[in-house]
Protein backbone atom coordinates (compact mmCIF):
# COMPACT_ATOMS: atom_id res chain seq x y z
CA MET A 1 89.72 92.96 56.16
CA SER A 2 88.91 93.83 59.74
CA ASP A 3 88.33 97.45 58.80
CA PHE A 4 85.26 96.45 56.82
CA LYS A 5 81.62 96.08 58.04
CA GLU A 6 81.47 92.49 57.01
CA ASN A 7 82.56 90.09 54.32
CA ILE A 8 79.63 89.25 52.02
CA LEU A 9 79.65 86.26 49.62
CA VAL A 10 78.14 87.14 46.25
CA THR A 11 77.47 84.26 43.88
CA GLY A 12 77.37 85.25 40.29
CA GLY A 13 79.01 88.63 41.15
CA ALA A 14 80.74 88.88 37.90
CA GLY A 15 77.44 89.03 36.11
CA TYR A 16 75.38 92.09 34.99
CA ILE A 17 73.35 92.64 38.17
CA GLY A 18 75.80 91.00 40.50
CA SER A 19 78.70 93.25 39.51
CA HIS A 20 76.53 96.37 40.31
CA VAL A 21 75.76 94.89 43.77
CA VAL A 22 79.36 94.20 44.33
CA ARG A 23 80.26 97.65 43.36
CA ASP A 24 77.67 99.17 45.86
CA LEU A 25 78.77 96.84 48.68
CA GLY A 26 82.24 98.05 48.25
CA ASN A 27 80.99 101.66 48.26
CA GLU A 28 79.17 101.00 51.54
CA GLY A 29 82.23 99.69 53.30
CA PHE A 30 81.52 95.96 52.96
CA PHE A 31 84.09 93.51 51.58
CA PRO A 32 82.43 91.57 48.80
CA VAL A 33 83.79 88.08 47.86
CA THR A 34 82.69 87.36 44.38
CA TYR A 35 82.21 83.64 43.63
CA ASP A 36 81.52 82.89 39.95
CA ASN A 37 82.33 80.18 37.39
CA LEU A 38 82.60 82.92 34.60
CA SER A 39 80.21 80.88 32.30
CA THR A 40 78.47 84.30 31.50
CA GLY A 41 80.19 86.62 33.96
CA ASN A 42 83.27 88.82 33.28
CA ARG A 43 86.15 88.91 35.64
CA LYS A 44 86.84 92.52 34.76
CA SER A 45 83.35 93.55 35.86
CA VAL A 46 84.36 92.81 39.61
CA LEU A 47 85.29 96.35 40.75
CA CYS A 48 86.20 95.56 44.47
CA GLY A 49 86.71 92.77 46.95
CA ASP A 50 88.03 89.46 46.31
CA PHE A 51 87.37 86.94 43.47
CA VAL A 52 87.08 83.18 43.52
CA GLU A 53 86.39 81.26 40.35
CA GLY A 54 84.19 78.23 41.26
CA ASP A 55 80.81 76.65 40.71
CA ILE A 56 77.99 76.82 43.43
CA ALA A 57 77.68 73.02 43.14
CA ASP A 58 81.28 72.65 44.49
CA SER A 59 80.36 72.31 48.14
CA LYS A 60 84.03 71.82 49.15
CA LEU A 61 85.29 74.96 47.70
CA LEU A 62 82.29 76.93 48.93
CA GLU A 63 82.91 75.65 52.53
CA GLU A 64 86.49 76.74 52.25
CA VAL A 65 85.54 80.35 51.12
CA ILE A 66 82.78 80.60 53.87
CA GLU A 67 85.41 79.58 56.41
CA LYS A 68 88.25 81.65 55.14
CA TYR A 69 86.22 84.84 55.01
CA GLY A 70 83.98 84.24 58.03
CA ILE A 71 80.80 84.67 55.82
CA LYS A 72 77.45 85.16 57.52
CA SER A 73 75.55 86.63 54.58
CA VAL A 74 75.24 85.49 51.02
CA ILE A 75 73.64 87.26 48.01
CA HIS A 76 72.82 84.66 45.25
CA PHE A 77 72.60 85.61 41.62
CA ALA A 78 74.37 82.69 39.82
CA ALA A 79 71.73 81.24 37.42
CA SER A 80 70.67 80.78 33.79
CA ILE A 81 68.26 83.58 32.87
CA VAL A 82 66.95 83.30 29.25
CA VAL A 83 63.30 82.51 29.07
CA GLU A 84 63.15 81.36 25.59
CA GLU A 85 66.32 79.16 26.11
CA SER A 86 64.65 77.64 29.15
CA VAL A 87 61.78 76.37 27.06
CA LYS A 88 64.23 74.72 24.67
CA LYS A 89 66.57 73.34 27.27
CA PRO A 90 64.60 72.90 30.53
CA LEU A 91 67.04 70.46 32.04
CA LYS A 92 69.80 73.14 31.82
CA TYR A 93 67.69 75.47 33.88
CA TYR A 94 66.49 72.88 36.46
CA GLU A 95 70.18 71.90 36.92
CA ASN A 96 71.59 75.32 37.12
CA ASN A 97 68.94 77.25 38.96
CA SER A 98 67.29 74.54 41.12
CA VAL A 99 69.69 71.59 41.75
CA LYS A 100 72.80 73.67 42.16
CA THR A 101 71.05 76.24 44.18
CA PHE A 102 69.78 73.51 46.56
CA LYS A 103 73.36 72.47 47.11
CA LEU A 104 74.32 76.07 47.78
CA ILE A 105 71.55 76.41 50.30
CA LYS A 106 72.51 73.15 51.98
CA THR A 107 76.10 74.29 52.27
CA CYS A 108 74.93 77.62 53.77
CA VAL A 109 72.84 76.01 56.29
CA GLU A 110 75.60 73.57 57.30
CA LYS A 111 78.01 76.45 57.66
CA GLY A 112 75.85 78.68 59.72
CA ILE A 113 74.94 81.40 57.17
CA GLU A 114 72.34 83.66 58.65
CA ASN A 115 71.22 85.98 55.82
CA PHE A 116 70.37 84.86 52.33
CA VAL A 117 69.25 87.39 49.53
CA PHE A 118 67.90 85.43 46.62
CA SER A 119 67.68 86.81 42.91
CA SER A 120 64.19 85.59 41.93
CA THR A 121 61.95 86.85 39.04
CA ALA A 122 58.58 88.07 38.05
CA ALA A 123 58.37 85.05 35.81
CA VAL A 124 57.07 83.03 38.74
CA TYR A 125 53.70 84.75 38.16
CA GLY A 126 53.28 83.40 34.61
CA ILE A 127 50.39 85.33 33.00
CA PRO A 128 48.98 87.31 35.85
CA GLU A 129 45.18 87.63 36.43
CA LYS A 130 45.51 91.16 37.35
CA ILE A 131 47.97 93.99 36.66
CA PRO A 132 49.88 95.29 38.40
CA VAL A 133 50.86 91.98 40.15
CA ASN A 134 51.40 91.78 43.92
CA GLU A 135 53.18 89.19 46.02
CA GLU A 136 50.07 87.38 46.89
CA SER A 137 49.16 86.74 43.21
CA PRO A 138 48.93 83.18 42.02
CA LEU A 139 52.29 81.57 41.23
CA VAL A 140 51.75 79.79 37.88
CA PRO A 141 54.91 80.20 35.98
CA ILE A 142 54.66 79.31 32.15
CA ASN A 143 58.34 78.52 31.42
CA PRO A 144 61.05 76.39 33.00
CA TYR A 145 62.98 79.57 34.06
CA GLY A 146 60.14 80.82 36.18
CA LYS A 147 59.46 77.39 37.53
CA SER A 148 63.23 76.81 38.38
CA LYS A 149 63.21 80.13 40.47
CA LEU A 150 59.92 79.23 42.18
CA PHE A 151 61.34 75.94 43.38
CA THR A 152 64.13 77.72 45.02
CA GLU A 153 61.71 80.08 46.72
CA MET A 154 59.79 77.08 48.05
CA VAL A 155 63.03 75.47 49.30
CA LEU A 156 64.04 78.73 50.98
CA LYS A 157 60.67 79.07 52.77
CA ASP A 158 60.86 75.57 54.14
CA VAL A 159 64.41 75.70 55.10
CA SER A 160 64.05 79.04 56.91
CA ALA A 161 60.99 77.78 58.78
CA ALA A 162 63.00 74.67 59.98
CA THR A 163 66.26 76.38 60.54
CA PRO A 164 66.81 78.80 63.49
CA ASN A 165 68.82 81.97 62.51
CA PHE A 166 68.54 81.39 58.73
CA ASN A 167 66.45 84.07 57.10
CA TYR A 168 66.07 85.08 53.43
CA ILE A 169 64.63 87.76 51.21
CA ALA A 170 63.67 86.76 47.58
CA LEU A 171 63.56 89.76 45.16
CA ARG A 172 61.26 89.11 42.31
CA TYR A 173 62.89 91.27 39.59
CA PHE A 174 60.88 92.68 36.76
CA ASN A 175 62.79 93.93 33.64
CA VAL A 176 66.20 95.04 34.61
CA ALA A 177 68.08 97.60 32.25
CA GLY A 178 70.59 100.39 32.25
CA SER A 179 74.16 100.63 33.43
CA ASP A 180 76.69 102.15 35.81
CA PRO A 181 76.50 105.90 35.13
CA GLN A 182 80.33 106.04 35.15
CA VAL A 183 80.25 103.46 32.39
CA ARG A 184 82.53 101.01 34.18
CA ILE A 185 80.27 98.04 34.03
CA GLY A 186 77.06 96.97 32.06
CA GLN A 187 75.34 94.15 30.39
CA ASN A 188 78.01 92.25 28.47
CA TYR A 189 76.47 89.02 26.94
CA GLN A 190 77.84 87.56 23.70
CA LYS A 191 74.31 86.61 22.82
CA PRO A 192 72.02 89.21 24.49
CA THR A 193 68.34 88.62 24.74
CA HIS A 194 67.20 91.77 26.55
CA LEU A 195 65.16 94.07 24.50
CA ILE A 196 66.99 97.38 25.19
CA THR A 197 70.48 95.83 24.52
CA LEU A 198 69.25 94.24 21.31
CA ALA A 199 67.70 97.53 20.13
CA LEU A 200 70.76 99.51 21.00
CA ARG A 201 73.08 97.16 19.22
CA ALA A 202 70.76 97.33 16.13
CA ALA A 203 71.07 101.21 16.37
CA LEU A 204 74.85 100.88 16.54
CA GLY A 205 74.94 98.60 13.46
CA ASP A 206 75.77 95.32 15.10
CA TYR A 207 72.34 93.82 13.66
CA PRO A 208 70.64 94.63 10.47
CA GLN A 209 67.44 95.02 12.30
CA LEU A 210 65.62 94.53 15.56
CA LYS A 211 63.21 91.74 15.70
CA ILE A 212 59.91 92.53 17.51
CA PHE A 213 58.50 89.19 18.86
CA GLY A 214 54.75 89.28 18.84
CA THR A 215 52.50 92.20 17.75
CA ASP A 216 49.17 90.50 18.56
CA TYR A 217 49.07 90.64 22.33
CA ASP A 218 46.06 91.95 24.04
CA THR A 219 47.81 95.26 24.77
CA PRO A 220 47.19 98.70 23.40
CA ASP A 221 49.72 98.54 20.54
CA GLY A 222 49.79 94.62 20.32
CA THR A 223 53.33 94.33 21.69
CA ALA A 224 54.38 92.99 25.11
CA ILE A 225 54.44 95.39 28.02
CA ARG A 226 57.17 95.18 30.73
CA ASP A 227 58.10 97.12 33.85
CA TYR A 228 61.71 98.30 33.28
CA ILE A 229 63.85 99.03 36.45
CA HIS A 230 67.29 100.62 36.37
CA THR A 231 70.01 98.20 37.67
CA ASP A 232 71.12 100.84 40.25
CA ASP A 233 67.74 100.94 41.88
CA LEU A 234 67.67 97.15 41.93
CA SER A 235 71.25 97.07 43.43
CA ASN A 236 70.00 99.36 46.14
CA ALA A 237 67.25 96.97 46.92
CA HIS A 238 69.72 94.18 47.71
CA LEU A 239 71.65 96.33 50.10
CA LEU A 240 68.41 97.26 51.93
CA ALA A 241 67.44 93.55 51.91
CA LEU A 242 70.73 92.65 53.54
CA ASN A 243 70.33 95.40 56.16
CA TYR A 244 66.78 94.35 56.88
CA LEU A 245 67.80 90.70 57.39
CA LYS A 246 70.62 91.65 59.72
CA ILE A 247 68.40 93.85 61.95
CA GLU A 248 64.96 92.37 61.78
CA LYS A 249 65.87 88.72 61.22
CA LYS A 250 62.74 88.18 59.27
CA SER A 251 62.18 86.57 55.85
CA ALA A 252 60.28 88.17 53.08
CA VAL A 253 59.38 87.80 49.31
CA LEU A 254 59.26 91.22 47.55
CA ASN A 255 58.49 92.48 44.01
CA CYS A 256 61.19 94.86 42.64
CA GLY A 257 59.87 97.03 39.85
CA TYR A 258 58.49 100.57 39.30
CA GLY A 259 54.86 99.87 38.95
CA GLN A 260 54.49 101.09 35.37
CA GLY A 261 55.03 99.47 32.00
CA SER A 262 56.31 100.22 28.61
CA SER A 263 55.46 98.32 25.43
CA VAL A 264 58.11 96.94 23.01
CA LEU A 265 57.15 99.76 20.58
CA GLN A 266 57.31 102.45 23.19
CA VAL A 267 60.83 101.34 24.06
CA VAL A 268 61.83 101.28 20.52
CA ASP A 269 60.49 104.78 19.91
CA THR A 270 62.46 106.12 23.06
CA ILE A 271 65.62 104.37 21.98
CA LYS A 272 65.42 106.10 18.57
CA LYS A 273 64.82 109.42 20.40
CA VAL A 274 67.71 109.06 22.80
CA THR A 275 70.21 107.80 20.23
CA GLY A 276 68.97 109.75 17.29
CA ILE A 277 69.24 106.76 15.10
CA ASP A 278 66.32 105.52 13.16
CA PHE A 279 67.23 101.62 12.90
CA LYS A 280 65.10 99.02 11.22
CA THR A 281 62.67 96.70 12.88
CA GLU A 282 61.13 93.40 11.89
CA LYS A 283 57.79 92.13 13.20
CA THR A 284 57.93 88.46 13.84
CA ALA A 285 56.12 85.68 15.82
CA ARG A 286 55.91 85.52 19.63
CA ARG A 287 58.67 83.76 21.50
CA GLY A 288 57.83 80.76 23.69
CA GLY A 289 57.13 81.50 27.28
CA ASP A 290 56.51 85.31 27.03
CA PRO A 291 53.43 86.69 28.83
CA PRO A 292 51.61 89.75 27.41
CA ALA A 293 52.20 92.08 30.37
CA LEU A 294 54.24 92.19 33.67
CA ILE A 295 54.01 95.20 35.84
CA ALA A 296 54.95 95.20 39.56
CA ASP A 297 52.94 96.24 42.51
CA SER A 298 55.91 97.50 44.52
CA ARG A 299 54.10 98.86 47.65
CA LEU A 300 55.45 96.07 49.84
CA ILE A 301 59.17 96.55 49.16
CA LYS A 302 58.70 100.20 49.83
CA GLY A 303 56.97 99.54 53.08
CA ILE A 304 59.19 96.90 54.41
CA LEU A 305 62.61 97.96 53.15
CA GLY A 306 61.97 101.72 52.69
CA TRP A 307 63.00 101.34 49.07
CA GLU A 308 62.61 104.47 47.11
CA PRO A 309 63.51 104.32 43.43
CA ARG A 310 65.69 107.12 42.11
CA PHE A 311 65.92 106.28 38.28
CA ASN A 312 62.28 105.68 37.38
CA ASP A 313 62.95 107.29 33.93
CA LEU A 314 62.95 105.30 30.63
CA ASP A 315 65.05 107.90 28.98
CA TYR A 316 67.66 107.69 31.69
CA ILE A 317 67.68 103.98 31.76
CA ILE A 318 68.32 103.95 27.89
CA LYS A 319 70.82 106.72 28.09
CA THR A 320 73.04 104.79 30.54
CA ALA A 321 72.58 101.54 28.54
CA TYR A 322 73.56 103.45 25.40
CA GLN A 323 76.73 104.86 26.91
CA TRP A 324 77.79 101.36 27.89
CA GLU A 325 77.05 99.85 24.37
CA LYS A 326 78.98 102.76 22.69
CA LYS A 327 81.95 102.03 25.04
CA LEU A 328 81.92 98.42 24.20
CA LYS A 329 81.85 99.17 20.50
CA GLU A 330 84.39 102.09 20.52
CA LYS A 331 86.85 100.24 22.68
CA LYS A 332 86.27 96.94 20.85
CA ILE A 333 85.77 95.37 24.22
CA GLU A 334 84.98 91.53 23.75
CA ARG A 335 81.47 90.84 24.13
C-alpha cells in the first residue's frame, strides 16, 4: 500500500454514490478502504481497494481499521436516505443518520482523523424562500431525513471548532442520478424511490406504470422541480473536497447541484425520448415531506473547490442510467 498516495476510509462505499467515489479514488492513486454493513450496499459495486463489513456504530472495529490502514481522511456516506420513509419511520433515521454518525465522529476525533467529507443533503433547506437556494438560506428541514442530516452538520461544526486539526466539508447534494459510463456500477436498490430509476423500470416493464406524486404544486406544470446532478460530477466534488481539506485545512458547507431544475413531467418526457418507450403514468397525491422545488446556487463550490461540472445534460444523465438498468435486466442481476 505504500505506493498509494493515501489510504482513505469510505463509509457506505458499497452504495450508489459511495461506489462511484471509491472508483474515482482508485483511479486517482488513492487506496480506498470501504466500510459498509451492506444493509443497502452491494459488495460487487466496490471496484478497488479493500472492503470491511461493519457498522459505523461499532467503534472497536472502526478503531482497528483506522489503525491498521493509518487513516487520516474519511468520506462518510453510510445513511438511510428515503424521504418518505423517514416521515413514517423517524426513529430509524435519527438512529442511523444521527446517533451512529455521532459515534463515528467521536471515534474519528479520538483516533486523530484530520479530514472528514460528509454526505449531506439539500433537504436541510426544507421549502426554500428563494430559488435557487444558497448555503446561507434558512435551514428549516420538513422531514426527519433532512433534520437528521442537519443535526450531523451542527455536530461537525462544533467539533471542528473545538478540535485542532479536524476539518470537514459537508456537501449538500441535490438530486443525484446517472451511472458509470462503462456500466460497471449504478443505482441498485431493491425498492428504488428515485424518479429516474422508477421511470426507467416502468419503461422496461418492471412496473405497470410510473406514479407521479403531486400535480398541484405551484410550478409551471404542477409537478415538483428538482436539480438533477450526474453521479460522476458529484463524485468529482468529493475528491476536490478531500484535496481542499488536505491543503487548505479549512471547513466548509457547499451545495452540489447544477443550478437548473427539471420538473417530473419534463423528466418523464426526456426518458420517453431517450428510451423510445412510451410507458404509462398515473397521477396521484403528493408524498409526505416533498418540497415543490429545489434548485442549487452552486457558485460557492465552484469558487472554493474549482468544481466544474462536465455532465450537465439531462439526456446524458438518463442515457447512462438507462444503460445500467438495461444491464441489470438483461443480465438478471439481483436488485
